[in-house]
C-alpha atoms as a PDB file:
ATOM      1  CA  MET A   1       6.993 -77.762   9.360  1.00  0.00           C
ATOM      2  CA  GLN A   2       6.146 -75.498  12.218  1.00  0.00           C
ATOM      3  CA  PHE A   3       2.449 -75.069  11.390  1.00  0.00           C
ATOM      4  CA  ALA A   4      -0.405 -77.103  10.046  1.00  0.00           C
ATOM      5  CA  LEU A   5      -4.099 -76.256   9.679  1.00  0.00           C
ATOM      6  CA  VAL A   6      -6.280 -77.549  12.510  1.00  0.00           C
ATOM      7  CA  ASN A   7      -9.960 -76.553  12.160  1.00  0.00           C
ATOM      8  CA  GLY A   8      -8.842 -74.022   9.629  1.00  0.00           C
ATOM      9  CA  MET A   9      -6.260 -72.293  11.986  1.00  0.00           C
ATOM     10  CA  ALA A  10      -2.445 -72.421  11.726  1.00  0.00           C
ATOM     11  CA  VAL A  11      -1.367 -74.415  14.797  1.00  0.00           C
ATOM     12  CA  GLU A  12       1.988 -75.600  16.095  1.00  0.00           C
ATOM     13  CA  PRO A  13       2.379 -79.344  16.896  1.00  0.00           C
ATOM     14  CA  SER A  14       1.370 -80.943  20.168  1.00  0.00           C
ATOM     15  CA  PRO A  15       1.213 -84.610  21.083  1.00  0.00           C
ATOM     16  CA  GLY A  16      -1.554 -86.584  19.357  1.00  0.00           C
ATOM     17  CA  LEU A  17      -2.750 -83.621  17.147  1.00  0.00           C
ATOM     18  CA  LYS A  18      -3.540 -84.100  13.500  1.00  0.00           C
ATOM     19  CA  GLY A  19      -3.754 -81.405  10.890  1.00  0.00           C
ATOM     20  CA  ILE A  20      -3.753 -80.541   7.231  1.00  0.00           C
ATOM     21  CA  CYS A  21      -0.836 -79.175   5.140  1.00  0.00           C
ATOM     22  CA  LYS A  22      -1.644 -75.630   4.131  1.00  0.00           C
ATOM     23  CA  ASN A  23       0.431 -76.043   0.976  1.00  0.00           C
ATOM     24  CA  CYS A  24      -0.974 -79.316  -0.462  1.00  0.00           C
ATOM     25  CA  GLY A  25      -3.992 -80.190   1.737  1.00  0.00           C
ATOM     26  CA  SER A  26      -2.685 -83.604   2.682  1.00  0.00           C
ATOM     27  CA  GLU A  27      -2.827 -85.076   6.190  1.00  0.00           C
ATOM     28  CA  MET A  28      -0.176 -84.067   8.719  1.00  0.00           C
ATOM     29  CA  VAL A  29       0.838 -85.663  11.987  1.00  0.00           C
ATOM     30  CA  ALA A  30       2.467 -83.975  14.948  1.00  0.00           C
ATOM     31  CA  LYS A  31       5.971 -85.345  15.733  1.00  0.00           C
ATOM     32  CA  CYS A  32       6.642 -84.528  19.358  1.00  0.00           C
ATOM     33  CA  GLY A  33       9.556 -86.678  20.499  1.00  0.00           C
ATOM     34  CA  GLN A  34      12.088 -86.078  23.247  1.00  0.00           C
ATOM     35  CA  HIS A  35      15.148 -85.642  21.075  1.00  0.00           C
ATOM     36  CA  LYS A  36      14.047 -83.843  17.922  1.00  0.00           C
ATOM     37  CA  LEU A  37      12.443 -80.402  17.478  1.00  0.00           C
ATOM     38  CA  TRP A  38       8.650 -80.741  17.589  1.00  0.00           C
ATOM     39  CA  HIS A  39       7.302 -80.434  14.064  1.00  0.00           C
ATOM     40  CA  TRP A  40       4.568 -81.436  11.629  1.00  0.00           C
ATOM     41  CA  ALA A  41       5.282 -84.142   9.059  1.00  0.00           C
ATOM     42  CA  HIS A  42       3.254 -85.417   6.107  1.00  0.00           C
ATOM     43  CA  LYS A  43       1.577 -88.673   6.969  1.00  0.00           C
ATOM     44  CA  SER A  44       2.851 -89.974   3.618  1.00  0.00           C
ATOM     45  CA  ARG A  45       6.411 -89.066   4.641  1.00  0.00           C
ATOM     46  CA  VAL A  46       6.912 -87.270   1.362  1.00  0.00           C
ATOM     47  CA  HIS A  47       7.067 -83.456   1.662  1.00  0.00           C
ATOM     48  CA  CYS A  48       5.069 -81.573  -0.950  1.00  0.00           C
ATOM     49  CA  ASP A  49       7.883 -79.003  -1.483  1.00  0.00           C
ATOM     50  CA  PRO A  50      11.139 -80.492  -2.715  1.00  0.00           C
ATOM     51  CA  TRP A  51      13.008 -77.411  -1.463  1.00  0.00           C
ATOM     52  CA  TRP A  52      12.001 -77.999   2.157  1.00  0.00           C
ATOM     53  CA  GLU A  53      14.614 -79.229   4.561  1.00  0.00           C
ATOM     54  CA  ALA A  54      14.166 -80.658   8.103  1.00  0.00           C
ATOM     55  CA  GLU A  55      14.178 -77.848  10.613  1.00  0.00           C
ATOM     56  CA  THR A  56      16.812 -77.523  13.279  1.00  0.00           C
ATOM     57  CA  GLU A  57      16.796 -75.537  16.426  1.00  0.00           C
ATOM     58  CA  TRP A  58      18.800 -72.903  14.527  1.00  0.00           C
ATOM     59  CA  HIS A  59      16.078 -72.620  11.947  1.00  0.00           C
ATOM     60  CA  ARG A  60      13.360 -72.303  14.474  1.00  0.00           C
ATOM     61  CA  ALA A  61      15.191 -69.717  16.549  1.00  0.00           C
ATOM     62  CA  TRP A  62      15.692 -67.495  13.489  1.00  0.00           C
ATOM     63  CA  LYS A  63      12.035 -67.848  12.349  1.00  0.00           C
ATOM     64  CA  ASN A  64      10.826 -66.986  15.853  1.00  0.00           C
ATOM     65  CA  HIS A  65      12.385 -63.532  15.621  1.00  0.00           C
ATOM     66  CA  PHE A  66       9.499 -62.683  13.264  1.00  0.00           C
ATOM     67  CA  PRO A  67       5.728 -62.669  13.564  1.00  0.00           C
ATOM     68  CA  LYS A  68       4.261 -66.157  13.114  1.00  0.00           C
ATOM     69  CA  GLU A  69       2.002 -65.030  10.349  1.00  0.00           C
ATOM     70  CA  TRP A  70       5.154 -64.449   8.305  1.00  0.00           C
ATOM     71  CA  HIS A  71       6.329 -68.014   8.762  1.00  0.00           C
ATOM     72  CA  GLU A  72       6.048 -70.664   6.031  1.00  0.00           C
ATOM     73  CA  SER A  73       4.552 -68.343   3.492  1.00  0.00           C
ATOM     74  CA  ILE A  74       3.295 -70.037   0.383  1.00  0.00           C
ATOM     75  CA  LEU A  75       4.286 -68.356  -2.881  1.00  0.00           C
ATOM     76  CA  PHE A  76       2.677 -69.303  -6.188  1.00  0.00           C
ATOM     77  CA  ASP A  77       3.686 -68.501  -9.785  1.00  0.00           C
ATOM     78  CA  PRO A  78       0.459 -68.350 -11.843  1.00  0.00           C
ATOM     79  CA  ASN A  79       2.405 -68.592 -15.082  1.00  0.00           C
ATOM     80  CA  THR A  80       4.124 -71.911 -14.309  1.00  0.00           C
ATOM     81  CA  GLY A  81       1.948 -73.309 -11.514  1.00  0.00           C
ATOM     82  CA  GLU A  82       5.012 -73.650  -9.328  1.00  0.00           C
ATOM     83  CA  LYS A  83       4.436 -73.280  -5.613  1.00  0.00           C
ATOM     84  CA  HIS A  84       6.960 -73.191  -2.730  1.00  0.00           C
ATOM     85  CA  ILE A  85       7.054 -72.512   0.969  1.00  0.00           C
ATOM     86  CA  ALA A  86       9.331 -69.662   2.050  1.00  0.00           C
ATOM     87  CA  ASP A  87      10.792 -69.832   5.545  1.00  0.00           C
ATOM     88  CA  VAL A  88       9.734 -66.243   6.229  1.00  0.00           C
ATOM     89  CA  ARG A  89       8.156 -63.635   3.999  1.00  0.00           C
ATOM     90  CA  THR A  90       7.886 -60.219   5.537  1.00  0.00           C
ATOM     91  CA  GLU A  91       4.849 -57.954   5.058  1.00  0.00           C
ATOM     92  CA  HIS A  92       7.162 -55.870   2.872  1.00  0.00           C
ATOM     93  CA  GLY A  93       7.546 -58.746   0.434  1.00  0.00           C
ATOM     94  CA  LEU A  94      11.090 -59.836   1.350  1.00  0.00           C
ATOM     95  CA  VAL A  95      11.776 -63.620   1.558  1.00  0.00           C
ATOM     96  CA  LEU A  96      14.257 -64.804   4.163  1.00  0.00           C
ATOM     97  CA  GLU A  97      15.604 -68.282   3.571  1.00  0.00           C
ATOM     98  CA  PHE A  98      17.437 -69.880   6.553  1.00  0.00           C
ATOM     99  CA  GLN A  99      19.752 -72.463   5.052  1.00  0.00           C
ATOM    100  CA  HIS A 100      21.444 -75.105   7.156  1.00  0.00           C
ATOM    101  CA  SER A 101      22.147 -77.775   4.552  1.00  0.00           C
ATOM    102  CA  PRO A 102      24.299 -77.432   1.414  1.00  0.00           C
ATOM    103  CA  MET A 103      22.567 -77.219  -1.945  1.00  0.00           C
ATOM    104  CA  THR A 104      23.440 -77.585  -5.545  1.00  0.00           C
ATOM    105  CA  PRO A 105      24.118 -74.423  -7.679  1.00  0.00           C
ATOM    106  CA  ALA A 106      21.097 -75.390  -9.759  1.00  0.00           C
ATOM    107  CA  GLU A 107      18.766 -75.332  -6.768  1.00  0.00           C
ATOM    108  CA  MET A 108      20.225 -72.098  -5.463  1.00  0.00           C
ATOM    109  CA  LYS A 109      19.558 -70.416  -8.820  1.00  0.00           C
ATOM    110  CA  SER A 110      16.065 -71.892  -8.994  1.00  0.00           C
ATOM    111  CA  ARG A 111      15.168 -70.493  -5.608  1.00  0.00           C
ATOM    112  CA  GLU A 112      16.614 -67.091  -6.390  1.00  0.00           C
ATOM    113  CA  ASP A 113      14.734 -66.946  -9.692  1.00  0.00           C
ATOM    114  CA  PHE A 114      11.479 -67.941  -7.997  1.00  0.00           C
ATOM    115  CA  TYR A 115      11.632 -65.726  -4.867  1.00  0.00           C
ATOM    116  CA  LYS A 116      13.368 -62.801  -6.599  1.00  0.00           C
ATOM    117  CA  ASN A 117      13.309 -60.412  -3.584  1.00  0.00           C
ATOM    118  CA  MET A 118      15.164 -62.455  -1.027  1.00  0.00           C
ATOM    119  CA  VAL A 119      18.095 -62.803   1.363  1.00  0.00           C
ATOM    120  CA  TRP A 120      20.002 -65.925   2.359  1.00  0.00           C
ATOM    121  CA  VAL A 121      20.834 -66.468   6.027  1.00  0.00           C
ATOM    122  CA  VAL A 122      23.314 -69.347   6.215  1.00  0.00           C
ATOM    123  CA  ASP A 123      24.267 -71.460   9.222  1.00  0.00           C
ATOM    124  CA  GLY A 124      28.036 -71.073   9.472  1.00  0.00           C
ATOM    125  CA  CYS A 125      28.275 -73.552  12.248  1.00  0.00           C
ATOM    126  CA  ARG A 126      27.119 -76.568  10.323  1.00  0.00           C
ATOM    127  CA  GLY A 127      30.685 -77.589   9.499  1.00  0.00           C
ATOM    128  CA  GLU A 128      32.391 -78.757  12.670  1.00  0.00           C
ATOM    129  CA  LEU A 129      35.300 -76.373  12.444  1.00  0.00           C
ATOM    130  CA  ASP A 130      34.022 -73.652  10.099  1.00  0.00           C
ATOM    131  CA  ALA A 131      33.350 -71.076  12.782  1.00  0.00           C
ATOM    132  CA  ALA A 132      36.809 -71.610  14.324  1.00  0.00           C
ATOM    133  CA  HIS A 133      38.444 -71.430  10.892  1.00  0.00           C
ATOM    134  CA  PHE A 134      36.513 -68.285  10.087  1.00  0.00           C
ATOM    135  CA  ASN A 135      37.948 -66.541  13.179  1.00  0.00           C
ATOM    136  CA  LEU A 136      41.463 -67.606  12.145  1.00  0.00           C
ATOM    137  CA  SER A 137      40.901 -66.529   8.506  1.00  0.00           C
ATOM    138  CA  LEU A 138      39.528 -63.072   9.276  1.00  0.00           C
ATOM    139  CA  GLY A 139      41.898 -60.190   8.541  1.00  0.00           C
ATOM    140  CA  GLY A 140      41.875 -56.461   9.205  1.00  0.00           C
ATOM    141  CA  ARG A 141      39.578 -53.728   7.945  1.00  0.00           C
ATOM    142  CA  ILE A 142      39.812 -52.922   4.288  1.00  0.00           C
ATOM    143  CA  ASN A 143      36.833 -50.538   4.126  1.00  0.00           C
ATOM    144  CA  GLU A 144      35.124 -48.244   6.611  1.00  0.00           C
ATOM    145  CA  SER A 145      31.721 -47.416   5.158  1.00  0.00           C
ATOM    146  CA  PRO A 146      30.362 -50.003   5.064  1.00  0.00           C
ATOM    147  CA  VAL A 147      32.848 -51.867   7.226  1.00  0.00           C
ATOM    148  CA  ALA A 148      34.536 -54.784   5.513  1.00  0.00           C
ATOM    149  CA  HIS A 149      37.299 -57.137   6.507  1.00  0.00           C
ATOM    150  CA  SER A 150      39.726 -59.124   4.408  1.00  0.00           C
ATOM    151  CA  LEU A 151      39.409 -62.909   4.529  1.00  0.00           C
ATOM    152  CA  HIS A 152      41.942 -65.626   3.713  1.00  0.00           C
ATOM    153  CA  TRP A 153      40.126 -68.898   4.164  1.00  0.00           C
ATOM    154  CA  TYR A 154      42.224 -71.667   5.697  1.00  0.00           C
ATOM    155  CA  GLY A 155      39.487 -74.126   6.374  1.00  0.00           C
ATOM    156  CA  ARG A 156      38.844 -77.348   4.434  1.00  0.00           C
ATOM    157  CA  GLY A 157      35.090 -76.630   4.220  1.00  0.00           C
ATOM    158  CA  LYS A 158      33.636 -75.229   1.049  1.00  0.00           C
ATOM    159  CA  LEU A 159      31.295 -72.716   2.796  1.00  0.00           C
ATOM    160  CA  PHE A 160      32.585 -69.684   0.923  1.00  0.00           C
ATOM    161  CA  HIS A 161      33.200 -71.484  -2.281  1.00  0.00           C
ATOM    162  CA  ASN A 162      29.503 -72.589  -2.369  1.00  0.00           C
ATOM    163  CA  TRP A 163      27.852 -69.368  -1.355  1.00  0.00           C
ATOM    164  CA  ILE A 164      29.835 -66.938  -3.571  1.00  0.00           C
ATOM    165  CA  GLN A 165      27.736 -68.444  -6.348  1.00  0.00           C
ATOM    166  CA  ALA A 166      24.578 -66.785  -4.982  1.00  0.00           C
ATOM    167  CA  THR A 167      23.259 -63.739  -6.751  1.00  0.00           C
ATOM    168  CA  LYS A 168      21.189 -62.614  -3.780  1.00  0.00           C
ATOM    169  CA  PRO A 169      22.641 -61.198  -0.557  1.00  0.00           C
ATOM    170  CA  VAL A 170      24.214 -63.859   1.720  1.00  0.00           C
ATOM    171  CA  LEU A 171      24.563 -63.396   5.505  1.00  0.00           C
ATOM    172  CA  ILE A 172      26.522 -66.041   7.366  1.00  0.00           C
ATOM    173  CA  ASP A 173      25.727 -66.737  11.024  1.00  0.00           C
ATOM    174  CA  PHE A 174      28.713 -68.087  12.916  1.00  0.00           C
ATOM    175  CA  GLY A 175      26.870 -67.976  16.229  1.00  0.00           C
ATOM    176  CA  GLY A 176      28.110 -64.666  17.563  1.00  0.00           C
ATOM    177  CA  ALA A 177      26.486 -61.231  17.839  1.00  0.00           C
ATOM    178  CA  ASN A 178      27.146 -60.381  14.208  1.00  0.00           C
ATOM    179  CA  LEU A 179      26.063 -61.652  10.853  1.00  0.00           C
ATOM    180  CA  TRP A 180      28.717 -61.540   8.199  1.00  0.00           C
ATOM    181  CA  ARG A 181      27.762 -60.513   4.708  1.00  0.00           C
ATOM    182  CA  LEU A 182      29.643 -62.239   1.909  1.00  0.00           C
ATOM    183  CA  VAL A 183      31.079 -59.454  -0.283  1.00  0.00           C
ATOM    184  CA  MET A 184      33.547 -61.278  -2.483  1.00  0.00           C
ATOM    185  CA  PHE A 185      35.534 -64.526  -2.604  1.00  0.00           C
ATOM    186  CA  ASP A 186      38.056 -65.855  -5.121  1.00  0.00           C
ATOM    187  CA  THR A 187      37.846 -69.594  -5.123  1.00  0.00           C
ATOM    188  CA  SER A 188      41.313 -70.004  -6.577  1.00  0.00           C
ATOM    189  CA  THR A 189      43.152 -67.909  -3.964  1.00  0.00           C
ATOM    190  CA  GLN A 190      40.618 -68.488  -1.223  1.00  0.00           C
ATOM    191  CA  LYS A 191      40.802 -64.744  -0.468  1.00  0.00           C
ATOM    192  CA  GLY A 192      37.835 -62.442  -0.168  1.00  0.00           C
ATOM    193  CA  ALA A 193      35.988 -59.887   1.903  1.00  0.00           C
ATOM    194  CA  VAL A 194      33.143 -59.984   4.459  1.00  0.00           C
ATOM    195  CA  GLY A 195      31.289 -57.290   6.322  1.00  0.00           C
ATOM    196  CA  PRO A 196      29.916 -57.509   9.863  1.00  0.00           C
ATOM    197  CA  GLY A 197      26.513 -56.262  11.093  1.00  0.00           C
ATOM    198  CA  GLY A 198      24.719 -56.794  14.437  1.00  0.00           C
ATOM    199  CA  LYS A 199      22.039 -59.447  14.165  1.00  0.00           C
ATOM    200  CA  GLU A 200      19.569 -57.217  16.035  1.00  0.00           C
ATOM    201  CA  TYR A 201      20.022 -54.463  13.418  1.00  0.00           C
ATOM    202  CA  PHE A 202      19.366 -56.751  10.575  1.00  0.00           C
ATOM    203  CA  ILE A 203      16.270 -58.131  12.236  1.00  0.00           C
ATOM    204  CA  GLN A 204      15.040 -54.551  12.768  1.00  0.00           C
ATOM    205  CA  ASP A 205      15.622 -53.787   9.095  1.00  0.00           C
ATOM    206  CA  PHE A 206      13.733 -56.881   8.036  1.00  0.00           C
ATOM    207  CA  MET A 207      10.863 -56.125  10.408  1.00  0.00           C
ATOM    208  CA  GLN A 208      10.569 -52.490   9.294  1.00  0.00           C
ATOM    209  CA  GLY A 209      11.217 -52.884   5.609  1.00  0.00           C
ATOM    210  CA  ASN A 210      14.222 -50.574   5.683  1.00  0.00           C
ATOM    211  CA  PRO A 211      16.666 -50.585   2.761  1.00  0.00           C
ATOM    212  CA  LEU A 212      19.215 -53.286   3.378  1.00  0.00           C
ATOM    213  CA  ALA A 213      22.253 -51.054   2.816  1.00  0.00           C
ATOM    214  CA  ARG A 214      24.367 -53.149   5.196  1.00  0.00           C
ATOM    215  CA  ILE A 215      24.251 -56.152   2.920  1.00  0.00           C
ATOM    216  CA  VAL A 216      24.288 -54.750  -0.573  1.00  0.00           C
ATOM    217  CA  ARG A 217      27.392 -55.923  -2.424  1.00  0.00           C
END
């Protein structure tokens, strides 16, 4: 985690610091090694939110585009008692989940049902060759407003097969200046459509609470 409570304040880790988890109240220790991203970890080594995944530099870079008070927002369902930590929740009520690791369809549906108003931002560079295969698979424009391109996926990875199951908007980050919204994908033919949009424009929309017309299917 990026933050823990130290004397009641949300603080980032530094060597030797101890804190309290703002979600469950258990003791946290600062992990400040030379090779891994500095982070807070539960002293018990068991994270209180089963949906949480270890943060990468990619996660942290995305989160840091937004005010720190929006990071690691705790959402609670009073009807079920369920509680989870959203990567970012804007002041306009939109949850942004930055997803590096694959997940089961059941967990994807659970998160979407719980957060409701949300967008997925997916790391398209997790698979070793996915970004290169995406560039080879991308076809010409098939729509102008909004812009969309055809896609014939040649990669071995299941990136598009997995994320077409989402019911919330999916933006895939292949490391360039654009995010690519997943519009459609046929798992049998491996053909589909994706739409580009500049990362800076999406970030502005998220910050300002603008309608997300660029990513509506």
